[in-house]
Amino acid sequence: MAPAVETQQVEKEIHDVEKVVERLTGRFPDTSPIEIATIVHEEHDKLSGGKIRDFIPVLVEHEARDRLRRRGHVVQPVDSEALAEAELQEVRGD
């Protein structure tokens, strides 16, 4: 893989992991954003040795969300229409 392509993939993955922090901060409003970011980055570090990187942000979000729930943090219900619109805007780059 060319270095420029690899760099772009790493940058996208970092961006996507930061979006995970934002989403979970919205889903767990009673939890410190610092705690959420710490958990997300710990989960990301656990997967850092993987060769296939495409699904890393999804896996990180799943594991971080599960850890927060196991700790007893309250989950804010998600407005599925608003979530779908936000995801569409992100894909379009709005």
PDB file of N, CA and C in Angstrom:
ATOM      1  N   MET A   1       0.844  -1.173   0.000  1.00  0.00           N
ATOM      2  CA  MET A   1       0.000   0.000   0.000  1.00  0.00           C
ATOM      3  C   MET A   1       0.894   1.243   0.000  1.00  0.00           C
ATOM      4  N   ALA A   2       0.542   2.214  -0.807  1.00  0.00           N
ATOM      5  CA  ALA A   2       1.323   3.439  -0.912  1.00  0.00           C
ATOM      6  C   ALA A   2       1.224   4.241   0.387  1.00  0.00           C
ATOM      7  N   PRO A   3       2.322   4.890   0.788  1.00  0.00           N
ATOM      8  CA  PRO A   3       2.312   5.648   2.048  1.00  0.00           C
ATOM      9  C   PRO A   3       1.219   6.710   2.119  1.00  0.00           C
ATOM     10  N   ALA A   4       0.939   7.381   1.007  1.00  0.00           N
ATOM     11  CA  ALA A   4      -0.089   8.424   1.012  1.00  0.00           C
ATOM     12  C   ALA A   4      -1.464   7.824   1.289  1.00  0.00           C
ATOM     13  N   VAL A   5      -1.751   6.676   0.705  1.00  0.00           N
ATOM     14  CA  VAL A   5      -3.037   6.009   0.922  1.00  0.00           C
ATOM     15  C   VAL A   5      -3.139   5.557   2.365  1.00  0.00           C
ATOM     16  N   GLU A   6      -2.055   4.990   2.890  1.00  0.00           N
ATOM     17  CA  GLU A   6      -2.041   4.528   4.274  1.00  0.00           C
ATOM     18  C   GLU A   6      -2.255   5.705   5.231  1.00  0.00           C
ATOM     19  N   THR A   7      -1.620   6.822   4.950  1.00  0.00           N
ATOM     20  CA  THR A   7      -1.788   8.014   5.784  1.00  0.00           C
ATOM     21  C   THR A   7      -3.234   8.490   5.764  1.00  0.00           C
ATOM     22  N   GLN A   8      -3.859   8.487   4.609  1.00  0.00           N
ATOM     23  CA  GLN A   8      -5.263   8.882   4.497  1.00  0.00           C
ATOM     24  C   GLN A   8      -6.154   7.948   5.298  1.00  0.00           C
ATOM     25  N   GLN A   9      -5.877   6.666   5.258  1.00  0.00           N
ATOM     26  CA  GLN A   9      -6.682   5.698   6.004  1.00  0.00           C
ATOM     27  C   GLN A   9      -6.530   5.911   7.504  1.00  0.00           C
ATOM     28  N   VAL A  10      -5.319   6.174   7.955  1.00  0.00           N
ATOM     29  CA  VAL A  10      -5.075   6.423   9.381  1.00  0.00           C
ATOM     30  C   VAL A  10      -5.806   7.698   9.812  1.00  0.00           C
ATOM     31  N   GLU A  11      -5.713   8.736   9.008  1.00  0.00           N
ATOM     32  CA  GLU A  11      -6.392   9.997   9.327  1.00  0.00           C
ATOM     33  C   GLU A  11      -7.900   9.798   9.390  1.00  0.00           C
ATOM     34  N   LYS A  12      -8.457   9.026   8.459  1.00  0.00           N
ATOM     35  CA  LYS A  12      -9.898   8.750   8.462  1.00  0.00           C
ATOM     36  C   LYS A  12     -10.280   7.963   9.704  1.00  0.00           C
ATOM     37  N   GLU A  13      -9.476   6.968  10.054  1.00  0.00           N
ATOM     38  CA  GLU A  13      -9.770   6.169  11.239  1.00  0.00           C
ATOM     39  C   GLU A  13      -9.758   7.033  12.496  1.00  0.00           C
ATOM     40  N   ILE A  14      -8.777   7.905  12.616  1.00  0.00           N
ATOM     41  CA  ILE A  14      -8.711   8.807  13.777  1.00  0.00           C
ATOM     42  C   ILE A  14      -9.931   9.712  13.803  1.00  0.00           C
ATOM     43  N   HIS A  15     -10.296  10.245  12.666  1.00  0.00           N
ATOM     44  CA  HIS A  15     -11.488  11.096  12.569  1.00  0.00           C
ATOM     45  C   HIS A  15     -12.733  10.317  12.988  1.00  0.00           C
ATOM     46  N   ASP A  16     -12.860   9.102  12.492  1.00  0.00           N
ATOM     47  CA  ASP A  16     -14.027   8.275  12.813  1.00  0.00           C
ATOM     48  C   ASP A  16     -14.073   7.919  14.295  1.00  0.00           C
ATOM     49  N   VAL A  17     -12.927   7.678  14.904  1.00  0.00           N
ATOM     50  CA  VAL A  17     -12.891   7.375  16.342  1.00  0.00           C
ATOM     51  C   VAL A  17     -13.290   8.617  17.143  1.00  0.00           C
ATOM     52  N   GLU A  18     -12.881   9.789  16.710  1.00  0.00           N
ATOM     53  CA  GLU A  18     -13.299  11.020  17.399  1.00  0.00           C
ATOM     54  C   GLU A  18     -14.815  11.222  17.275  1.00  0.00           C
ATOM     55  N   LYS A  19     -15.386  10.823  16.157  1.00  0.00           N
ATOM     56  CA  LYS A  19     -16.847  10.876  15.996  1.00  0.00           C
ATOM     57  C   LYS A  19     -17.527   9.919  16.968  1.00  0.00           C
ATOM     58  N   VAL A  20     -16.891   8.774  17.241  1.00  0.00           N
ATOM     59  CA  VAL A  20     -17.416   7.835  18.236  1.00  0.00           C
ATOM     60  C   VAL A  20     -17.485   8.535  19.595  1.00  0.00           C
ATOM     61  N   VAL A  21     -16.431   9.253  19.948  1.00  0.00           N
ATOM     62  CA  VAL A  21     -16.423   9.993  21.219  1.00  0.00           C
ATOM     63  C   VAL A  21     -17.598  10.972  21.253  1.00  0.00           C
ATOM     64  N   GLU A  22     -17.807  11.699  20.165  1.00  0.00           N
ATOM     65  CA  GLU A  22     -18.913  12.666  20.105  1.00  0.00           C
ATOM     66  C   GLU A  22     -20.268  11.976  20.260  1.00  0.00           C
ATOM     67  N   ARG A  23     -20.465  10.870  19.543  1.00  0.00           N
ATOM     68  CA  ARG A  23     -21.753  10.168  19.621  1.00  0.00           C
ATOM     69  C   ARG A  23     -22.007   9.625  21.024  1.00  0.00           C
ATOM     70  N   LEU A  24     -20.989   9.003  21.613  1.00  0.00           N
ATOM     71  CA  LEU A  24     -21.183   8.436  22.939  1.00  0.00           C
ATOM     72  C   LEU A  24     -21.356   9.520  23.998  1.00  0.00           C
ATOM     73  N   THR A  25     -20.724  10.660  23.814  1.00  0.00           N
ATOM     74  CA  THR A  25     -20.926  11.778  24.731  1.00  0.00           C
ATOM     75  C   THR A  25     -22.383  12.226  24.681  1.00  0.00           C
ATOM     76  N   GLY A  26     -22.983  12.209  23.501  1.00  0.00           N
ATOM     77  CA  GLY A  26     -24.406  12.531  23.370  1.00  0.00           C
ATOM     78  C   GLY A  26     -25.303  11.454  23.945  1.00  0.00           C
ATOM     79  N   ARG A  27     -24.892  10.208  23.824  1.00  0.00           N
ATOM     80  CA  ARG A  27     -25.696   9.083  24.321  1.00  0.00           C
ATOM     81  C   ARG A  27     -25.591   8.904  25.833  1.00  0.00           C
ATOM     82  N   PHE A  28     -24.488   9.361  26.421  1.00  0.00           N
ATOM     83  CA  PHE A  28     -24.255   9.219  27.856  1.00  0.00           C
ATOM     84  C   PHE A  28     -24.003  10.607  28.464  1.00  0.00           C
ATOM     85  N   PRO A  29     -25.030  11.456  28.488  1.00  0.00           N
ATOM     86  CA  PRO A  29     -24.835  12.842  28.916  1.00  0.00           C
ATOM     87  C   PRO A  29     -24.435  12.997  30.386  1.00  0.00           C
ATOM     88  N   ASP A  30     -24.702  12.005  31.210  1.00  0.00           N
ATOM     89  CA  ASP A  30     -24.344  12.090  32.622  1.00  0.00           C
ATOM     90  C   ASP A  30     -22.932  11.573  32.897  1.00  0.00           C
ATOM     91  N   THR A  31     -22.224  11.196  31.852  1.00  0.00           N
ATOM     92  CA  THR A  31     -20.868  10.667  31.987  1.00  0.00           C
ATOM     93  C   THR A  31     -19.881  11.724  31.504  1.00  0.00           C
ATOM     94  N   SER A  32     -18.795  11.848  32.230  1.00  0.00           N
ATOM     95  CA  SER A  32     -17.757  12.810  31.865  1.00  0.00           C
ATOM     96  C   SER A  32     -17.242  12.549  30.451  1.00  0.00           C
ATOM     97  N   PRO A  33     -17.177  13.590  29.622  1.00  0.00           N
ATOM     98  CA  PRO A  33     -16.605  13.410  28.283  1.00  0.00           C
ATOM     99  C   PRO A  33     -15.171  12.877  28.328  1.00  0.00           C
ATOM    100  N   ILE A  34     -14.442  13.224  29.373  1.00  0.00           N
ATOM    101  CA  ILE A  34     -13.071  12.727  29.508  1.00  0.00           C
ATOM    102  C   ILE A  34     -13.081  11.219  29.736  1.00  0.00           C
ATOM    103  N   GLU A  35     -14.008  10.739  30.578  1.00  0.00           N
ATOM    104  CA  GLU A  35     -14.110   9.298  30.807  1.00  0.00           C
ATOM    105  C   GLU A  35     -14.478   8.576  29.518  1.00  0.00           C
ATOM    106  N   ILE A  36     -15.413   9.137  28.777  1.00  0.00           N
ATOM    107  CA  ILE A  36     -15.832   8.527  27.505  1.00  0.00           C
ATOM    108  C   ILE A  36     -14.654   8.482  26.535  1.00  0.00           C
ATOM    109  N   ALA A  37     -13.948   9.598  26.398  1.00  0.00           N
ATOM    110  CA  ALA A  37     -12.801   9.636  25.484  1.00  0.00           C
ATOM    111  C   ALA A  37     -11.734   8.633  25.905  1.00  0.00           C
ATOM    112  N   THR A  38     -11.506   8.512  27.204  1.00  0.00           N
ATOM    113  CA  THR A  38     -10.508   7.561  27.702  1.00  0.00           C
ATOM    114  C   THR A  38     -10.897   6.135  27.328  1.00  0.00           C
ATOM    115  N   ILE A  39     -12.157   5.786  27.562  1.00  0.00           N
ATOM    116  CA  ILE A  39     -12.627   4.435  27.239  1.00  0.00           C
ATOM    117  C   ILE A  39     -12.525   4.170  25.739  1.00  0.00           C
ATOM    118  N   VAL A  40     -12.956   5.127  24.939  1.00  0.00           N
ATOM    119  CA  VAL A  40     -12.903   4.961  23.476  1.00  0.00           C
ATOM    120  C   VAL A  40     -11.457   4.751  23.029  1.00  0.00           C
ATOM    121  N   HIS A  41     -10.548   5.557  23.541  1.00  0.00           N
ATOM    122  CA  HIS A  41      -9.150   5.442  23.118  1.00  0.00           C
ATOM    123  C   HIS A  41      -8.505   4.155  23.633  1.00  0.00           C
ATOM    124  N   GLU A  42      -8.907   3.690  24.813  1.00  0.00           N
ATOM    125  CA  GLU A  42      -8.422   2.393  25.291  1.00  0.00           C
ATOM    126  C   GLU A  42      -8.878   1.264  24.367  1.00  0.00           C
ATOM    127  N   GLU A  43     -10.147   1.319  23.964  1.00  0.00           N
ATOM    128  CA  GLU A  43     -10.661   0.293  23.053  1.00  0.00           C
ATOM    129  C   GLU A  43      -9.971   0.378  21.698  1.00  0.00           C
ATOM    130  N   HIS A  44      -9.707   1.583  21.239  1.00  0.00           N
ATOM    131  CA  HIS A  44      -9.009   1.764  19.966  1.00  0.00           C
ATOM    132  C   HIS A  44      -7.599   1.184  20.055  1.00  0.00           C
ATOM    133  N   ASP A  45      -6.918   1.437  21.173  1.00  0.00           N
ATOM    134  CA  ASP A  45      -5.566   0.908  21.357  1.00  0.00           C
ATOM    135  C   ASP A  45      -5.550  -0.619  21.331  1.00  0.00           C
ATOM    136  N   LYS A  46      -6.590  -1.243  21.893  1.00  0.00           N
ATOM    137  CA  LYS A  46      -6.659  -2.708  21.903  1.00  0.00           C
ATOM    138  C   LYS A  46      -6.680  -3.287  20.487  1.00  0.00           C
ATOM    139  N   LEU A  47      -7.238  -2.528  19.556  1.00  0.00           N
ATOM    140  CA  LEU A  47      -7.383  -3.007  18.173  1.00  0.00           C
ATOM    141  C   LEU A  47      -6.285  -2.485  17.250  1.00  0.00           C
ATOM    142  N   SER A  48      -5.307  -1.801  17.815  1.00  0.00           N
ATOM    143  CA  SER A  48      -4.308  -1.127  16.985  1.00  0.00           C
ATOM    144  C   SER A  48      -3.418  -2.083  16.184  1.00  0.00           C
ATOM    145  N   GLY A  49      -3.327  -3.330  16.599  1.00  0.00           N
ATOM    146  CA  GLY A  49      -2.465  -4.265  15.887  1.00  0.00           C
ATOM    147  C   GLY A  49      -3.133  -4.987  14.735  1.00  0.00           C
ATOM    148  N   GLY A  50      -4.420  -4.735  14.535  1.00  0.00           N
ATOM    149  CA  GLY A  50      -5.138  -5.431  13.478  1.00  0.00           C
ATOM    150  C   GLY A  50      -4.708  -5.005  12.092  1.00  0.00           C
ATOM    151  N   LYS A  51      -4.761  -5.943  11.156  1.00  0.00           N
ATOM    152  CA  LYS A  51      -4.365  -5.635   9.780  1.00  0.00           C
ATOM    153  C   LYS A  51      -5.522  -5.075   8.962  1.00  0.00           C
ATOM    154  N   ILE A  52      -6.722  -5.535   9.236  1.00  0.00           N
ATOM    155  CA  ILE A  52      -7.899  -5.038   8.519  1.00  0.00           C
ATOM    156  C   ILE A  52      -8.499  -3.933   9.375  1.00  0.00           C
ATOM    157  N   ARG A  53      -8.473  -2.710   8.860  1.00  0.00           N
ATOM    158  CA  ARG A  53      -8.806  -1.530   9.652  1.00  0.00           C
ATOM    159  C   ARG A  53     -10.209  -0.980   9.373  1.00  0.00           C
ATOM    160  N   ASP A  54     -10.906  -1.510   8.377  1.00  0.00           N
ATOM    161  CA  ASP A  54     -12.161  -0.910   7.922  1.00  0.00           C
ATOM    162  C   ASP A  54     -13.217  -0.781   9.005  1.00  0.00           C
ATOM    163  N   PHE A  55     -13.294  -1.741   9.903  1.00  0.00           N
ATOM    164  CA  PHE A  55     -14.379  -1.754  10.877  1.00  0.00           C
ATOM    165  C   PHE A  55     -13.938  -1.347  12.285  1.00  0.00           C
ATOM    166  N   ILE A  56     -12.720  -0.865  12.410  1.00  0.00           N
ATOM    167  CA  ILE A  56     -12.200  -0.498  13.726  1.00  0.00           C
ATOM    168  C   ILE A  56     -13.116   0.496  14.443  1.00  0.00           C
ATOM    169  N   PRO A  57     -13.541   1.600  13.829  1.00  0.00           N
ATOM    170  CA  PRO A  57     -14.395   2.545  14.569  1.00  0.00           C
ATOM    171  C   PRO A  57     -15.710   1.922  15.048  1.00  0.00           C
ATOM    172  N   VAL A  58     -16.299   1.051  14.257  1.00  0.00           N
ATOM    173  CA  VAL A  58     -17.546   0.385  14.652  1.00  0.00           C
ATOM    174  C   VAL A  58     -17.299  -0.524  15.851  1.00  0.00           C
ATOM    175  N   LEU A  59     -16.219  -1.286  15.803  1.00  0.00           N
ATOM    176  CA  LEU A  59     -15.884  -2.173  16.907  1.00  0.00           C
ATOM    177  C   LEU A  59     -15.553  -1.392  18.170  1.00  0.00           C
ATOM    178  N   VAL A  60     -14.842  -0.292  18.019  1.00  0.00           N
ATOM    179  CA  VAL A  60     -14.507   0.559  19.158  1.00  0.00           C
ATOM    180  C   VAL A  60     -15.778   1.103  19.802  1.00  0.00           C
ATOM    181  N   GLU A  61     -16.699   1.590  18.979  1.00  0.00           N
ATOM    182  CA  GLU A  61     -17.945   2.146  19.514  1.00  0.00           C
ATOM    183  C   GLU A  61     -18.737   1.083  20.275  1.00  0.00           C
ATOM    184  N   HIS A  62     -18.825  -0.092  19.706  1.00  0.00           N
ATOM    185  CA  HIS A  62     -19.572  -1.176  20.338  1.00  0.00           C
ATOM    186  C   HIS A  62     -18.979  -1.525  21.708  1.00  0.00           C
ATOM    187  N   GLU A  63     -17.671  -1.719  21.765  1.00  0.00           N
ATOM    188  CA  GLU A  63     -17.024  -2.099  23.021  1.00  0.00           C
ATOM    189  C   GLU A  63     -17.091  -0.976  24.054  1.00  0.00           C
ATOM    190  N   ALA A  64     -16.882   0.261  23.619  1.00  0.00           N
ATOM    191  CA  ALA A  64     -16.936   1.391  24.555  1.00  0.00           C
ATOM    192  C   ALA A  64     -18.345   1.560  25.112  1.00  0.00           C
ATOM    193  N   ARG A  65     -19.348   1.436  24.259  1.00  0.00           N
ATOM    194  CA  ARG A  65     -20.743   1.541  24.703  1.00  0.00           C
ATOM    195  C   ARG A  65     -21.064   0.442  25.720  1.00  0.00           C
ATOM    196  N   ASP A  66     -20.608  -0.775  25.446  1.00  0.00           N
ATOM    197  CA  ASP A  66     -20.841  -1.878  26.385  1.00  0.00           C
ATOM    198  C   ASP A  66     -20.158  -1.620  27.728  1.00  0.00           C
ATOM    199  N   ARG A  67     -18.932  -1.117  27.686  1.00  0.00           N
ATOM    200  CA  ARG A  67     -18.228  -0.810  28.947  1.00  0.00           C
ATOM    201  C   ARG A  67     -18.970   0.252  29.750  1.00  0.00           C
ATOM    202  N   LEU A  68     -19.452   1.277  29.079  1.00  0.00           N
ATOM    203  CA  LEU A  68     -20.190   2.339  29.772  1.00  0.00           C
ATOM    204  C   LEU A  68     -21.473   1.793  30.384  1.00  0.00           C
ATOM    205  N   ARG A  69     -22.170   0.952  29.662  1.00  0.00           N
ATOM    206  CA  ARG A  69     -23.401   0.347  30.198  1.00  0.00           C
ATOM    207  C   ARG A  69     -23.096  -0.545  31.397  1.00  0.00           C
ATOM    208  N   ARG A  70     -22.040  -1.348  31.308  1.00  0.00           N
ATOM    209  CA  ARG A  70     -21.677  -2.223  32.424  1.00  0.00           C
ATOM    210  C   ARG A  70     -21.321  -1.434  33.667  1.00  0.00           C
ATOM    211  N   ARG A  71     -20.816  -0.232  33.489  1.00  0.00           N
ATOM    212  CA  ARG A  71     -20.482   0.622  34.631  1.00  0.00           C
ATOM    213  C   ARG A  71     -21.722   1.311  35.205  1.00  0.00           C
ATOM    214  N   GLY A  72     -22.855   1.087  34.589  1.00  0.00           N
ATOM    215  CA  GLY A  72     -24.097   1.638  35.097  1.00  0.00           C
ATOM    216  C   GLY A  72     -24.431   3.027  34.602  1.00  0.00           C
ATOM    217  N   HIS A  73     -23.744   3.486  33.574  1.00  0.00           N
ATOM    218  CA  HIS A  73     -24.040   4.800  33.029  1.00  0.00           C
ATOM    219  C   HIS A  73     -25.358   4.761  32.262  1.00  0.00           C
ATOM    220  N   VAL A  74     -26.123   5.817  32.402  1.00  0.00           N
ATOM    221  CA  VAL A  74     -27.449   5.904  31.788  1.00  0.00           C
ATOM    222  C   VAL A  74     -27.313   6.284  30.323  1.00  0.00           C
ATOM    223  N   VAL A  75     -28.030   5.546  29.479  1.00  0.00           N
ATOM    224  CA  VAL A  75     -28.015   5.791  28.041  1.00  0.00           C
ATOM    225  C   VAL A  75     -29.175   6.684  27.672  1.00  0.00           C
ATOM    226  N   GLN A  76     -28.889   7.741  26.941  1.00  0.00           N
ATOM    227  CA  GLN A  76     -29.917   8.648  26.425  1.00  0.00           C
ATOM    228  C   GLN A  76     -30.545   8.000  25.195  1.00  0.00           C
ATOM    229  N   PRO A  77     -31.881   7.949  25.116  1.00  0.00           N
ATOM    230  CA  PRO A  77     -32.510   7.398  23.903  1.00  0.00           C
ATOM    231  C   PRO A  77     -32.086   8.193  22.669  1.00  0.00           C
ATOM    232  N   VAL A  78     -32.009   7.504  21.559  1.00  0.00           N
ATOM    233  CA  VAL A  78     -31.574   8.129  20.315  1.00  0.00           C
ATOM    234  C   VAL A  78     -32.781   8.405  19.434  1.00  0.00           C
ATOM    235  N   ASP A  79     -32.829   9.603  18.887  1.00  0.00           N
ATOM    236  CA  ASP A  79     -33.838   9.955  17.890  1.00  0.00           C
ATOM    237  C   ASP A  79     -33.322   9.405  16.563  1.00  0.00           C
ATOM    238  N   SER A  80     -33.902   8.296  16.113  1.00  0.00           N
ATOM    239  CA  SER A  80     -33.368   7.595  14.946  1.00  0.00           C
ATOM    240  C   SER A  80     -33.404   8.451  13.678  1.00  0.00           C
ATOM    241  N   GLU A  81     -34.398   9.305  13.531  1.00  0.00           N
ATOM    242  CA  GLU A  81     -34.446  10.166  12.347  1.00  0.00           C
ATOM    243  C   GLU A  81     -33.316  11.188  12.382  1.00  0.00           C
ATOM    244  N   ALA A  82     -33.091  11.780  13.541  1.00  0.00           N
ATOM    245  CA  ALA A  82     -32.013  12.762  13.669  1.00  0.00           C
ATOM    246  C   ALA A  82     -30.660  12.091  13.466  1.00  0.00           C
ATOM    247  N   LEU A  83     -30.502  10.872  13.986  1.00  0.00           N
ATOM    248  CA  LEU A  83     -29.260  10.140  13.818  1.00  0.00           C
ATOM    249  C   LEU A  83     -29.016   9.827  12.345  1.00  0.00           C
ATOM    250  N   ALA A  84     -30.040   9.371  11.655  1.00  0.00           N
ATOM    251  CA  ALA A  84     -29.904   9.058  10.232  1.00  0.00           C
ATOM    252  C   ALA A  84     -29.528  10.304   9.436  1.00  0.00           C
ATOM    253  N   GLU A  85     -30.146  11.438   9.762  1.00  0.00           N
ATOM    254  CA  GLU A  85     -29.837  12.697   9.072  1.00  0.00           C
ATOM    255  C   GLU A  85     -28.390  13.123   9.351  1.00  0.00           C
ATOM    256  N   ALA A  86     -27.963  12.993  10.589  1.00  0.00           N
ATOM    257  CA  ALA A  86     -26.587  13.371  10.947  1.00  0.00           C
ATOM    258  C   ALA A  86     -25.579  12.493  10.223  1.00  0.00           C
ATOM    259  N   GLU A  87     -25.869  11.195  10.134  1.00  0.00           N
ATOM    260  CA  GLU A  87     -24.970  10.287   9.431  1.00  0.00           C
ATOM    261  C   GLU A  87     -24.928  10.598   7.941  1.00  0.00           C
ATOM    262  N   LEU A  88     -26.059  10.938   7.365  1.00  0.00           N
ATOM    263  CA  LEU A  88     -26.114  11.302   5.956  1.00  0.00           C
ATOM    264  C   LEU A  88     -25.307  12.571   5.703  1.00  0.00           C
ATOM    265  N   GLN A  89     -25.436  13.553   6.586  1.00  0.00           N
ATOM    266  CA  GLN A  89     -24.669  14.788   6.438  1.00  0.00           C
ATOM    267  C   GLN A  89     -23.183  14.522   6.540  1.00  0.00           C
ATOM    268  N   GLU A  90     -22.802  13.616   7.430  1.00  0.00           N
ATOM    269  CA  GLU A  90     -21.389  13.287   7.574  1.00  0.00           C
ATOM    270  C   GLU A  90     -20.850  12.632   6.311  1.00  0.00           C
ATOM    271  N   VAL A  91     -21.619  11.736   5.732  1.00  0.00           N
ATOM    272  CA  VAL A  91     -21.205  11.067   4.497  1.00  0.00           C
ATOM    273  C   VAL A  91     -21.063  12.072   3.366  1.00  0.00           C
ATOM    274  N   ARG A  92     -22.000  13.007   3.293  1.00  0.00           N
ATOM    275  CA  ARG A  92     -21.959  14.026   2.241  1.00  0.00           C
ATOM    276  C   ARG A  92     -20.893  15.073   2.498  1.00  0.00           C
ATOM    277  N   GLY A  93     -20.444  15.167   3.766  1.00  0.00           N
ATOM    278  CA  GLY A  93     -19.422  16.179   4.106  1.00  0.00           C
ATOM    279  C   GLY A  93     -20.027  17.532   4.382  1.00  0.00           C
ATOM    280  N   ASP A  94     -21.305  17.578   4.756  1.00  0.00           N
ATOM    281  CA  ASP A  94     -21.960  18.863   5.073  1.00  0.00           C
ATOM    282  C   ASP A  94     -21.402  19.456   6.334  1.00  0.00           C
TER     283      ASP A  94
END
